[in-house]
Amino acid sequence: MDKNLGQWGAIAVSITVLVTFVGALVVSFFIKDQTMMSLTVGAAVANATTAVGYWLGSSRGSQQKDETIAASHPTPPAA
């Protein structure tokens, strides 16, 4: 998979999720639904925590390690 394509995919997903949460928050604010607002904020915080954990935590480091190993050991041509 093209690394540049993967980066654009991550950006597209991030923007989609952000727009969805902002939309849900705005709707819940205008219809005065405290329960929906609380659930939306809670879900947004949980997802933000997961995203930060990925980019700064061990999952991102593991992915970089795998990319480094793959780059240093090219696969032999198929027989």
C-alpha atoms as a PDB file:
ATOM      1  CA  MET A   1       0.000   0.000   0.000  1.00  0.00           C
ATOM      2  CA  ASP A   2       1.266   3.434  -0.875  1.00  0.00           C
ATOM      3  CA  LYS A   3       2.348   5.241   2.298  1.00  0.00           C
ATOM      4  CA  ASN A   4       1.007   8.566   0.993  1.00  0.00           C
ATOM      5  CA  LEU A   5      -2.409   7.012   0.339  1.00  0.00           C
ATOM      6  CA  GLY A   6      -2.502   5.681   3.916  1.00  0.00           C
ATOM      7  CA  GLN A   7      -1.749   9.123   5.301  1.00  0.00           C
ATOM      8  CA  TRP A   8      -4.532  10.715   3.256  1.00  0.00           C
ATOM      9  CA  GLY A   9      -6.900   7.969   4.401  1.00  0.00           C
ATOM     10  CA  ALA A  10      -6.083   8.705   8.053  1.00  0.00           C
ATOM     11  CA  ILE A  11      -6.706  12.407   7.462  1.00  0.00           C
ATOM     12  CA  ALA A  12     -10.027  11.723   5.713  1.00  0.00           C
ATOM     13  CA  VAL A  13     -11.236   9.448   8.516  1.00  0.00           C
ATOM     14  CA  SER A  14     -10.174  11.975  11.157  1.00  0.00           C
ATOM     15  CA  ILE A  15     -12.037  14.804   9.437  1.00  0.00           C
ATOM     16  CA  THR A  16     -15.152  12.650   8.971  1.00  0.00           C
ATOM     17  CA  VAL A  17     -15.203  11.666  12.652  1.00  0.00           C
ATOM     18  CA  LEU A  18     -14.627  15.265  13.761  1.00  0.00           C
ATOM     19  CA  VAL A  19     -17.436  16.591  11.568  1.00  0.00           C
ATOM     20  CA  THR A  20     -19.781  13.857  12.814  1.00  0.00           C
ATOM     21  CA  PHE A  21     -19.106  14.640  16.478  1.00  0.00           C
ATOM     22  CA  VAL A  22     -19.399  18.390  15.959  1.00  0.00           C
ATOM     23  CA  GLY A  23     -22.687  17.849  14.103  1.00  0.00           C
ATOM     24  CA  ALA A  24     -24.075  15.657  16.881  1.00  0.00           C
ATOM     25  CA  LEU A  25     -23.000  18.190  19.487  1.00  0.00           C
ATOM     26  CA  VAL A  26     -24.620  21.092  17.627  1.00  0.00           C
ATOM     27  CA  VAL A  27     -27.859  19.153  17.117  1.00  0.00           C
ATOM     28  CA  SER A  28     -28.017  18.087  20.766  1.00  0.00           C
ATOM     29  CA  PHE A  29     -27.346  21.686  21.841  1.00  0.00           C
ATOM     30  CA  PHE A  30     -30.182  23.097  19.761  1.00  0.00           C
ATOM     31  CA  ILE A  31     -32.730  20.458  20.716  1.00  0.00           C
ATOM     32  CA  LYS A  32     -31.694  20.802  24.364  1.00  0.00           C
ATOM     33  CA  ASP A  33     -31.046  17.078  24.832  1.00  0.00           C
ATOM     34  CA  GLN A  34     -28.617  16.853  27.751  1.00  0.00           C
ATOM     35  CA  THR A  35     -28.338  13.062  27.540  1.00  0.00           C
ATOM     36  CA  MET A  36     -27.362  13.112  23.867  1.00  0.00           C
ATOM     37  CA  MET A  37     -24.858  15.901  24.517  1.00  0.00           C
ATOM     38  CA  SER A  38     -23.277  13.983  27.396  1.00  0.00           C
ATOM     39  CA  LEU A  39     -23.008  10.818  25.314  1.00  0.00           C
ATOM     40  CA  THR A  40     -21.510  12.716  22.376  1.00  0.00           C
ATOM     41  CA  VAL A  41     -18.919  14.466  24.523  1.00  0.00           C
ATOM     42  CA  GLY A  42     -18.056  11.196  26.256  1.00  0.00           C
ATOM     43  CA  ALA A  43     -17.624   9.384  22.946  1.00  0.00           C
ATOM     44  CA  ALA A  44     -15.510  12.226  21.559  1.00  0.00           C
ATOM     45  CA  VAL A  45     -13.213  12.151  24.605  1.00  0.00           C
ATOM     46  CA  ALA A  46     -12.870   8.358  24.378  1.00  0.00           C
ATOM     47  CA  ASN A  47     -12.031   8.505  20.675  1.00  0.00           C
ATOM     48  CA  ALA A  48      -9.563  11.347  21.164  1.00  0.00           C
ATOM     49  CA  THR A  49      -7.845   9.337  23.888  1.00  0.00           C
ATOM     50  CA  THR A  50      -7.612   6.339  21.577  1.00  0.00           C
ATOM     51  CA  ALA A  51      -6.194   8.434  18.722  1.00  0.00           C
ATOM     52  CA  VAL A  52      -3.580  10.109  20.920  1.00  0.00           C
ATOM     53  CA  GLY A  53      -2.678   6.738  22.402  1.00  0.00           C
ATOM     54  CA  TYR A  54      -2.109   5.355  18.910  1.00  0.00           C
ATOM     55  CA  TRP A  55      -0.017   8.218  17.546  1.00  0.00           C
ATOM     56  CA  LEU A  56       2.074   8.677  20.681  1.00  0.00           C
ATOM     57  CA  GLY A  57       1.928   5.183  22.143  1.00  0.00           C
ATOM     58  CA  SER A  58       3.235   1.749  21.396  1.00  0.00           C
ATOM     59  CA  SER A  59       0.993   1.039  18.393  1.00  0.00           C
ATOM     60  CA  ARG A  60       2.612   3.778  16.327  1.00  0.00           C
ATOM     61  CA  GLY A  61       6.076   2.690  17.448  1.00  0.00           C
ATOM     62  CA  SER A  62       5.253  -0.899  16.538  1.00  0.00           C
ATOM     63  CA  GLN A  63       4.107   0.164  13.081  1.00  0.00           C
ATOM     64  CA  GLN A  64       7.312   2.158  12.538  1.00  0.00           C
ATOM     65  CA  LYS A  65       9.384  -0.842  13.695  1.00  0.00           C
ATOM     66  CA  ASP A  66       7.593  -3.095  11.204  1.00  0.00           C
ATOM     67  CA  GLU A  67       8.203  -0.589   8.391  1.00  0.00           C
ATOM     68  CA  THR A  68      11.900  -0.354   9.299  1.00  0.00           C
ATOM     69  CA  ILE A  69      12.304  -4.132   9.353  1.00  0.00           C
ATOM     70  CA  ALA A  70      10.478  -4.486   6.041  1.00  0.00           C
ATOM     71  CA  ALA A  71      12.680  -1.824   4.445  1.00  0.00           C
ATOM     72  CA  SER A  72      15.897  -3.452   5.667  1.00  0.00           C
ATOM     73  CA  HIS A  73      14.941  -6.971   4.516  1.00  0.00           C
ATOM     74  CA  PRO A  74      13.565  -6.846   0.991  1.00  0.00           C
ATOM     75  CA  THR A  75      11.483  -9.846  -0.001  1.00  0.00           C
ATOM     76  CA  PRO A  76      13.134 -12.187  -2.526  1.00  0.00           C
ATOM     77  CA  PRO A  77      11.543 -12.450  -5.971  1.00  0.00           C
ATOM     78  CA  ALA A  78       8.941 -15.165  -6.407  1.00  0.00           C
ATOM     79  CA  ALA A  79      10.216 -18.370  -7.975  1.00  0.00           C
END
